Each structure stands twice: as structure tokens, then as C-alpha cells.
Amino acid sequence: MKCLFEDVNHIFENQDNYKFLIVESNFKVYAYTNSPLEQKIIEFLFEVEYTFPNFIVAHVTRSSIRKVLKRGVHHQKVFQYFK
């Protein structure tokens, strides 16, 4: 897999268990991961639009955040995941 950004290509080429998260200002989320656990976390936190091998496109919505908070996850944990 090649990334459009040259400075992060080494992340994908040199690691077996890579992950990369991009959150746009319009709340669209792009997640690159080959970890089944990370994929489930992303599905738990966001509304998934598309799923491809090692790539997920999702949205952060009010309902997705409300669902996470109702399940007992503290908002600081959600922000930590973004970081």
C-alpha cells in the first residue's frame, strides 16, 4: 500500500501491524489498519460508510458519539483515541 504523503509511507512499508487515522474538519474519518481489534473500535466509535481491506471510511456523527457515551465510554477516552 502506498500513501499519498511521502513522509508516512515508511509506516506502511516497515510494519506488519500498521494503523493510521485521518479525521477531516467535516468529520469524515479515514482509517488504515490491518488489526481486527482496531477495525472493531472504529466501527464502535463511528458510523462506517465503506469498508475495504485495511481501509475504512466513516463519519463522526452526533448519534455515533451519543451511542458511545450511552455505553459508558468517557468523552476523554474518545478524544485520546483521536490523538
PDB file of N, CA and C in Angstrom:
ATOM      1  N   MET A   1       0.849  -1.172   0.000  1.00  0.00           N
ATOM      2  CA  MET A   1       0.000   0.000   0.000  1.00  0.00           C
ATOM      3  C   MET A   1       0.892   1.231   0.000  1.00  0.00           C
ATOM      4  N   LYS A   2       0.577   2.198  -0.802  1.00  0.00           N
ATOM      5  CA  LYS A   2       1.308   3.457  -0.844  1.00  0.00           C
ATOM      6  C   LYS A   2       0.399   4.579  -0.389  1.00  0.00           C
ATOM      7  N   CYS A   3       0.923   5.461   0.411  1.00  0.00           N
ATOM      8  CA  CYS A   3       0.189   6.622   0.878  1.00  0.00           C
ATOM      9  C   CYS A   3       0.572   7.824   0.024  1.00  0.00           C
ATOM     10  N   LEU A   4      -0.340   8.758  -0.100  1.00  0.00           N
ATOM     11  CA  LEU A   4      -0.063   9.955  -0.889  1.00  0.00           C
ATOM     12  C   LEU A   4       0.985  10.846  -0.242  1.00  0.00           C
ATOM     13  N   PHE A   5       1.170  10.703   1.046  1.00  0.00           N
ATOM     14  CA  PHE A   5       2.118  11.527   1.775  1.00  0.00           C
ATOM     15  C   PHE A   5       3.424  10.767   1.940  1.00  0.00           C
ATOM     16  N   GLU A   6       4.472  11.245   1.334  1.00  0.00           N
ATOM     17  CA  GLU A   6       5.756  10.538   1.331  1.00  0.00           C
ATOM     18  C   GLU A   6       6.300  10.281   2.729  1.00  0.00           C
ATOM     19  N   ASP A   7       6.079  11.207   3.663  1.00  0.00           N
ATOM     20  CA  ASP A   7       6.672  11.058   4.986  1.00  0.00           C
ATOM     21  C   ASP A   7       6.026   9.960   5.819  1.00  0.00           C
ATOM     22  N   VAL A   8       4.872   9.425   5.422  1.00  0.00           N
ATOM     23  CA  VAL A   8       4.258   8.338   6.173  1.00  0.00           C
ATOM     24  C   VAL A   8       4.306   7.011   5.427  1.00  0.00           C
ATOM     25  N   ASN A   9       4.884   6.986   4.250  1.00  0.00           N
ATOM     26  CA  ASN A   9       5.000   5.727   3.514  1.00  0.00           C
ATOM     27  C   ASN A   9       5.796   4.685   4.288  1.00  0.00           C
ATOM     28  N   HIS A  10       6.795   5.120   5.042  1.00  0.00           N
ATOM     29  CA  HIS A  10       7.594   4.168   5.809  1.00  0.00           C
ATOM     30  C   HIS A  10       6.779   3.454   6.874  1.00  0.00           C
ATOM     31  N   ILE A  11       5.719   4.072   7.363  1.00  0.00           N
ATOM     32  CA  ILE A  11       4.861   3.427   8.361  1.00  0.00           C
ATOM     33  C   ILE A  11       4.222   2.184   7.770  1.00  0.00           C
ATOM     34  N   PHE A  12       3.746   2.290   6.546  1.00  0.00           N
ATOM     35  CA  PHE A  12       3.057   1.174   5.917  1.00  0.00           C
ATOM     36  C   PHE A  12       4.015   0.106   5.413  1.00  0.00           C
ATOM     37  N   GLU A  13       5.200   0.496   5.024  1.00  0.00           N
ATOM     38  CA  GLU A  13       6.131  -0.454   4.437  1.00  0.00           C
ATOM     39  C   GLU A  13       6.936  -1.221   5.475  1.00  0.00           C
ATOM     40  N   ASN A  14       7.191  -0.630   6.644  1.00  0.00           N
ATOM     41  CA  ASN A  14       8.109  -1.226   7.608  1.00  0.00           C
ATOM     42  C   ASN A  14       7.438  -1.931   8.771  1.00  0.00           C
ATOM     43  N   GLN A  15       6.112  -1.904   8.855  1.00  0.00           N
ATOM     44  CA  GLN A  15       5.448  -2.502   9.996  1.00  0.00           C
ATOM     45  C   GLN A  15       4.403  -3.502   9.537  1.00  0.00           C
ATOM     46  N   ASP A  16       4.316  -4.597  10.273  1.00  0.00           N
ATOM     47  CA  ASP A  16       3.305  -5.601   9.962  1.00  0.00           C
ATOM     48  C   ASP A  16       1.938  -5.184  10.471  1.00  0.00           C
ATOM     49  N   ASN A  17       1.888  -4.452  11.562  1.00  0.00           N
ATOM     50  CA  ASN A  17       0.617  -4.089  12.184  1.00  0.00           C
ATOM     51  C   ASN A  17       0.458  -2.569  12.185  1.00  0.00           C
ATOM     52  N   TYR A  18       0.358  -1.979  11.015  1.00  0.00           N
ATOM     53  CA  TYR A  18       0.288  -0.530  10.912  1.00  0.00           C
ATOM     54  C   TYR A  18      -1.124  -0.023  11.156  1.00  0.00           C
ATOM     55  N   LYS A  19      -1.214   1.249  11.553  1.00  0.00           N
ATOM     56  CA  LYS A  19      -2.506   1.910  11.676  1.00  0.00           C
ATOM     57  C   LYS A  19      -2.293   3.407  11.480  1.00  0.00           C
ATOM     58  N   PHE A  20      -3.288   4.035  10.921  1.00  0.00           N
ATOM     59  CA  PHE A  20      -3.196   5.450  10.623  1.00  0.00           C
ATOM     60  C   PHE A  20      -4.606   6.004  10.565  1.00  0.00           C
ATOM     61  N   LEU A  21      -4.867   7.108  11.236  1.00  0.00           N
ATOM     62  CA  LEU A  21      -6.205   7.676  11.312  1.00  0.00           C
ATOM     63  C   LEU A  21      -6.168   9.124  10.853  1.00  0.00           C
ATOM     64  N   ILE A  22      -7.041   9.469   9.922  1.00  0.00           N
ATOM     65  CA  ILE A  22      -7.178  10.842   9.454  1.00  0.00           C
ATOM     66  C   ILE A  22      -8.612  11.279   9.754  1.00  0.00           C
ATOM     67  N   VAL A  23      -8.763  12.403  10.450  1.00  0.00           N
ATOM     68  CA  VAL A  23     -10.078  12.966  10.717  1.00  0.00           C
ATOM     69  C   VAL A  23     -10.116  14.342  10.081  1.00  0.00           C
ATOM     70  N   GLU A  24     -11.015  14.527   9.123  1.00  0.00           N
ATOM     71  CA  GLU A  24     -11.126  15.801   8.419  1.00  0.00           C
ATOM     72  C   GLU A  24     -12.003  16.767   9.203  1.00  0.00           C
ATOM     73  N   SER A  25     -11.952  18.031   8.827  1.00  0.00           N
ATOM     74  CA  SER A  25     -12.745  19.052   9.502  1.00  0.00           C
ATOM     75  C   SER A  25     -14.244  18.869   9.259  1.00  0.00           C
ATOM     76  N   ASN A  26     -14.627  18.103   8.248  1.00  0.00           N
ATOM     77  CA  ASN A  26     -16.041  17.810   8.005  1.00  0.00           C
ATOM     78  C   ASN A  26     -16.470  16.520   8.708  1.00  0.00           C
ATOM     79  N   PHE A  27     -15.644  16.042   9.641  1.00  0.00           N
ATOM     80  CA  PHE A  27     -15.892  14.878  10.487  1.00  0.00           C
ATOM     81  C   PHE A  27     -15.847  13.551   9.732  1.00  0.00           C
ATOM     82  N   LYS A  28     -15.257  13.543   8.578  1.00  0.00           N
ATOM     83  CA  LYS A  28     -15.051  12.293   7.848  1.00  0.00           C
ATOM     84  C   LYS A  28     -13.770  11.651   8.361  1.00  0.00           C
ATOM     85  N   VAL A  29     -13.804  10.339   8.528  1.00  0.00           N
ATOM     86  CA  VAL A  29     -12.698   9.600   9.113  1.00  0.00           C
ATOM     87  C   VAL A  29     -12.183   8.588   8.095  1.00  0.00           C
ATOM     88  N   TYR A  30     -10.861   8.560   7.930  1.00  0.00           N
ATOM     89  CA  TYR A  30     -10.198   7.565   7.096  1.00  0.00           C
ATOM     90  C   TYR A  30      -9.251   6.786   7.995  1.00  0.00           C
ATOM     91  N   ALA A  31      -9.431   5.488   8.050  1.00  0.00           N
ATOM     92  CA  ALA A  31      -8.609   4.670   8.930  1.00  0.00           C
ATOM     93  C   ALA A  31      -7.927   3.574   8.127  1.00  0.00           C
ATOM     94  N   TYR A  32      -6.608   3.516   8.235  1.00  0.00           N
ATOM     95  CA  TYR A  32      -5.806   2.465   7.621  1.00  0.00           C
ATOM     96  C   TYR A  32      -5.337   1.547   8.740  1.00  0.00           C
ATOM     97  N   THR A  33      -5.787   0.313   8.735  1.00  0.00           N
ATOM     98  CA  THR A  33      -5.344  -0.632   9.751  1.00  0.00           C
ATOM     99  C   THR A  33      -5.564  -2.055   9.261  1.00  0.00           C
ATOM    100  N   ASN A  34      -4.704  -2.943   9.678  1.00  0.00           N
ATOM    101  CA  ASN A  34      -4.915  -4.351   9.384  1.00  0.00           C
ATOM    102  C   ASN A  34      -5.225  -5.130  10.653  1.00  0.00           C
ATOM    103  N   SER A  35      -5.451  -4.427  11.740  1.00  0.00           N
ATOM    104  CA  SER A  35      -5.769  -5.046  13.018  1.00  0.00           C
ATOM    105  C   SER A  35      -7.290  -5.219  13.157  1.00  0.00           C
ATOM    106  N   PRO A  36      -7.765  -6.447  13.375  1.00  0.00           N
ATOM    107  CA  PRO A  36      -9.205  -6.657  13.578  1.00  0.00           C
ATOM    108  C   PRO A  36      -9.743  -5.906  14.800  1.00  0.00           C
ATOM    109  N   LEU A  37      -8.914  -5.775  15.840  1.00  0.00           N
ATOM    110  CA  LEU A  37      -9.334  -5.035  17.027  1.00  0.00           C
ATOM    111  C   LEU A  37      -9.547  -3.560  16.698  1.00  0.00           C
ATOM    112  N   GLU A  38      -8.605  -2.955  15.991  1.00  0.00           N
ATOM    113  CA  GLU A  38      -8.744  -1.551  15.605  1.00  0.00           C
ATOM    114  C   GLU A  38      -9.971  -1.343  14.715  1.00  0.00           C
ATOM    115  N   GLN A  39     -10.231  -2.283  13.822  1.00  0.00           N
ATOM    116  CA  GLN A  39     -11.410  -2.177  12.958  1.00  0.00           C
ATOM    117  C   GLN A  39     -12.688  -2.186  13.777  1.00  0.00           C
ATOM    118  N   LYS A  40     -12.756  -3.026  14.794  1.00  0.00           N
ATOM    119  CA  LYS A  40     -13.939  -3.080  15.666  1.00  0.00           C
ATOM    120  C   LYS A  40     -14.080  -1.804  16.488  1.00  0.00           C
ATOM    121  N   ILE A  41     -12.968  -1.238  16.939  1.00  0.00           N
ATOM    122  CA  ILE A  41     -13.020   0.021  17.687  1.00  0.00           C
ATOM    123  C   ILE A  41     -13.565   1.131  16.805  1.00  0.00           C
ATOM    124  N   ILE A  42     -13.116   1.194  15.567  1.00  0.00           N
ATOM    125  CA  ILE A  42     -13.595   2.213  14.629  1.00  0.00           C
ATOM    126  C   ILE A  42     -15.086   2.023  14.360  1.00  0.00           C
ATOM    127  N   GLU A  43     -15.520   0.786  14.175  1.00  0.00           N
ATOM    128  CA  GLU A  43     -16.943   0.507  13.972  1.00  0.00           C
ATOM    129  C   GLU A  43     -17.762   0.881  15.205  1.00  0.00           C
ATOM    130  N   PHE A  44     -17.160   0.754  16.385  1.00  0.00           N
ATOM    131  CA  PHE A  44     -17.839   1.118  17.636  1.00  0.00           C
ATOM    132  C   PHE A  44     -17.977   2.627  17.780  1.00  0.00           C
ATOM    133  N   LEU A  45     -16.945   3.369  17.386  1.00  0.00           N
ATOM    134  CA  LEU A  45     -16.921   4.816  17.600  1.00  0.00           C
ATOM    135  C   LEU A  45     -17.627   5.633  16.527  1.00  0.00           C
ATOM    136  N   PHE A  46     -17.612   5.166  15.291  1.00  0.00           N
ATOM    137  CA  PHE A  46     -18.073   5.980  14.167  1.00  0.00           C
ATOM    138  C   PHE A  46     -19.138   5.257  13.355  1.00  0.00           C
ATOM    139  N   GLU A  47     -19.799   6.007  12.484  1.00  0.00           N
ATOM    140  CA  GLU A  47     -20.726   5.410  11.527  1.00  0.00           C
ATOM    141  C   GLU A  47     -19.932   5.083  10.262  1.00  0.00           C
ATOM    142  N   VAL A  48     -19.782   3.803  10.003  1.00  0.00           N
ATOM    143  CA  VAL A  48     -18.953   3.341   8.893  1.00  0.00           C
ATOM    144  C   VAL A  48     -19.731   3.454   7.589  1.00  0.00           C
ATOM    145  N   GLU A  49     -19.097   4.061   6.591  1.00  0.00           N
ATOM    146  CA  GLU A  49     -19.678   4.170   5.252  1.00  0.00           C
ATOM    147  C   GLU A  49     -19.205   3.049   4.350  1.00  0.00           C
ATOM    148  N   TYR A  50     -17.877   2.851   4.317  1.00  0.00           N
ATOM    149  CA  TYR A  50     -17.274   1.857   3.438  1.00  0.00           C
ATOM    150  C   TYR A  50     -16.209   1.092   4.205  1.00  0.00           C
ATOM    151  N   THR A  51     -16.082  -0.180   3.868  1.00  0.00           N
ATOM    152  CA  THR A  51     -15.019  -0.992   4.435  1.00  0.00           C
ATOM    153  C   THR A  51     -14.312  -1.716   3.295  1.00  0.00           C
ATOM    154  N   PHE A  52     -13.022  -1.527   3.228  1.00  0.00           N
ATOM    155  CA  PHE A  52     -12.166  -2.203   2.265  1.00  0.00           C
ATOM    156  C   PHE A  52     -11.097  -2.946   3.048  1.00  0.00           C
ATOM    157  N   PRO A  53     -10.363  -3.846   2.411  1.00  0.00           N
ATOM    158  CA  PRO A  53      -9.264  -4.491   3.135  1.00  0.00           C
ATOM    159  C   PRO A  53      -8.264  -3.445   3.641  1.00  0.00           C
ATOM    160  N   ASN A  54      -8.075  -3.394   4.934  1.00  0.00           N
ATOM    161  CA  ASN A  54      -7.125  -2.496   5.605  1.00  0.00           C
ATOM    162  C   ASN A  54      -7.481  -1.017   5.493  1.00  0.00           C
ATOM    163  N   PHE A  55      -8.715  -0.681   5.124  1.00  0.00           N
ATOM    164  CA  PHE A  55      -9.105   0.731   4.962  1.00  0.00           C
ATOM    165  C   PHE A  55     -10.589   0.886   5.275  1.00  0.00           C
ATOM    166  N   ILE A  56     -10.911   1.883   6.111  1.00  0.00           N
ATOM    167  CA  ILE A  56     -12.294   2.143   6.493  1.00  0.00           C
ATOM    168  C   ILE A  56     -12.578   3.627   6.306  1.00  0.00           C
ATOM    169  N   VAL A  57     -13.737   3.934   5.744  1.00  0.00           N
ATOM    170  CA  VAL A  57     -14.216   5.314   5.620  1.00  0.00           C
ATOM    171  C   VAL A  57     -15.450   5.425   6.514  1.00  0.00           C
ATOM    172  N   ALA A  58     -15.449   6.434   7.392  1.00  0.00           N
ATOM    173  CA  ALA A  58     -16.550   6.587   8.345  1.00  0.00           C
ATOM    174  C   ALA A  58     -16.820   8.069   8.593  1.00  0.00           C
ATOM    175  N   HIS A  59     -17.842   8.338   9.400  1.00  0.00           N
ATOM    176  CA  HIS A  59     -18.199   9.694   9.806  1.00  0.00           C
ATOM    177  C   HIS A  59     -18.355   9.754  11.317  1.00  0.00           C
ATOM    178  N   VAL A  60     -17.966  10.869  11.892  1.00  0.00           N
ATOM    179  CA  VAL A  60     -18.277  11.158  13.285  1.00  0.00           C
ATOM    180  C   VAL A  60     -19.599  11.907  13.262  1.00  0.00           C
ATOM    181  N   THR A  61     -20.618  11.359  13.906  1.00  0.00           N
ATOM    182  CA  THR A  61     -21.929  12.000  13.940  1.00  0.00           C
ATOM    183  C   THR A  61     -22.382  12.173  15.382  1.00  0.00           C
ATOM    184  N   ARG A  62     -23.389  12.985  15.561  1.00  0.00           N
ATOM    185  CA  ARG A  62     -23.942  13.144  16.912  1.00  0.00           C
ATOM    186  C   ARG A  62     -24.452  11.822  17.440  1.00  0.00           C
ATOM    187  N   SER A  63     -25.147  11.085  16.583  1.00  0.00           N
ATOM    188  CA  SER A  63     -25.706   9.810  17.041  1.00  0.00           C
ATOM    189  C   SER A  63     -24.616   8.791  17.367  1.00  0.00           C
ATOM    190  N   SER A  64     -23.518   8.782  16.609  1.00  0.00           N
ATOM    191  CA  SER A  64     -22.446   7.831  16.919  1.00  0.00           C
ATOM    192  C   SER A  64     -21.768   8.177  18.240  1.00  0.00           C
ATOM    193  N   ILE A  65     -21.539   9.460  18.480  1.00  0.00           N
ATOM    194  CA  ILE A  65     -20.930   9.870  19.758  1.00  0.00           C
ATOM    195  C   ILE A  65     -21.899   9.641  20.913  1.00  0.00           C
ATOM    196  N   ARG A  66     -23.164   9.938  20.708  1.00  0.00           N
ATOM    197  CA  ARG A  66     -24.174   9.708  21.748  1.00  0.00           C
ATOM    198  C   ARG A  66     -24.248   8.228  22.100  1.00  0.00           C
ATOM    199  N   LYS A  67     -24.179   7.353  21.092  1.00  0.00           N
ATOM    200  CA  LYS A  67     -24.216   5.902  21.312  1.00  0.00           C
ATOM    201  C   LYS A  67     -23.031   5.460  22.165  1.00  0.00           C
ATOM    202  N   VAL A  68     -21.854   5.998  21.867  1.00  0.00           N
ATOM    203  CA  VAL A  68     -20.647   5.639  22.623  1.00  0.00           C
ATOM    204  C   VAL A  68     -20.758   6.112  24.069  1.00  0.00           C
ATOM    205  N   LEU A  69     -21.231   7.339  24.264  1.00  0.00           N
ATOM    206  CA  LEU A  69     -21.363   7.873  25.622  1.00  0.00           C
ATOM    207  C   LEU A  69     -22.408   7.108  26.429  1.00  0.00           C
ATOM    208  N   LYS A  70     -23.493   6.691  25.788  1.00  0.00           N
ATOM    209  CA  LYS A  70     -24.523   5.909  26.488  1.00  0.00           C
ATOM    210  C   LYS A  70     -23.998   4.548  26.925  1.00  0.00           C
ATOM    211  N   ARG A  71     -23.009   4.032  26.218  1.00  0.00           N
ATOM    212  CA  ARG A  71     -22.422   2.736  26.582  1.00  0.00           C
ATOM    213  C   ARG A  71     -21.370   2.863  27.670  1.00  0.00           C
ATOM    214  N   GLY A  72     -21.178   4.067  28.203  1.00  0.00           N
ATOM    215  CA  GLY A  72     -20.305   4.250  29.352  1.00  0.00           C
ATOM    216  C   GLY A  72     -18.879   4.668  29.054  1.00  0.00           C
ATOM    217  N   VAL A  73     -18.588   4.987  27.802  1.00  0.00           N
ATOM    218  CA  VAL A  73     -17.241   5.442  27.464  1.00  0.00           C
ATOM    219  C   VAL A  73     -17.151   6.939  27.746  1.00  0.00           C
ATOM    220  N   HIS A  74     -16.159   7.341  28.515  1.00  0.00           N
ATOM    221  CA  HIS A  74     -15.983   8.750  28.862  1.00  0.00           C
ATOM    222  C   HIS A  74     -15.485   9.528  27.651  1.00  0.00           C
ATOM    223  N   HIS A  75     -15.915  10.776  27.528  1.00  0.00           N
ATOM    224  CA  HIS A  75     -15.546  11.580  26.355  1.00  0.00           C
ATOM    225  C   HIS A  75     -14.035  11.756  26.226  1.00  0.00           C
ATOM    226  N   GLN A  76     -13.306  11.759  27.332  1.00  0.00           N
ATOM    227  CA  GLN A  76     -11.851  11.903  27.249  1.00  0.00           C
ATOM    228  C   GLN A  76     -11.206  10.704  26.570  1.00  0.00           C
ATOM    229  N   LYS A  77     -11.780   9.518  26.722  1.00  0.00           N
ATOM    230  CA  LYS A  77     -11.261   8.325  26.050  1.00  0.00           C
ATOM    231  C   LYS A  77     -11.443   8.439  24.542  1.00  0.00           C
ATOM    232  N   VAL A  78     -12.550   9.020  24.107  1.00  0.00           N
ATOM    233  CA  VAL A  78     -12.780   9.214  22.674  1.00  0.00           C
ATOM    234  C   VAL A  78     -11.749  10.196  22.109  1.00  0.00           C
ATOM    235  N   PHE A  79     -11.497  11.294  22.827  1.00  0.00           N
ATOM    236  CA  PHE A  79     -10.502  12.254  22.381  1.00  0.00           C
ATOM    237  C   PHE A  79      -9.097  11.658  22.388  1.00  0.00           C
ATOM    238  N   GLN A  80      -8.796  10.812  23.359  1.00  0.00           N
ATOM    239  CA  GLN A  80      -7.492  10.145  23.386  1.00  0.00           C
ATOM    240  C   GLN A  80      -7.313   9.257  22.157  1.00  0.00           C
ATOM    241  N   TYR A  81      -8.383   8.619  21.728  1.00  0.00           N
ATOM    242  CA  TYR A  81      -8.281   7.762  20.557  1.00  0.00           C
ATOM    243  C   TYR A  81      -7.959   8.589  19.317  1.00  0.00           C
ATOM    244  N   PHE A  82      -8.557   9.778  19.223  1.00  0.00           N
ATOM    245  CA  PHE A  82      -8.258  10.646  18.089  1.00  0.00           C
ATOM    246  C   PHE A  82      -6.788  11.047  18.064  1.00  0.00           C
ATOM    247  N   LYS A  83      -6.226  11.298  19.245  1.00  0.00           N
ATOM    248  CA  LYS A  83      -4.823  11.717  19.313  1.00  0.00           C
ATOM    249  C   LYS A  83      -3.929  10.563  18.969  1.00  0.00           C
TER     250      LYS A  83
END
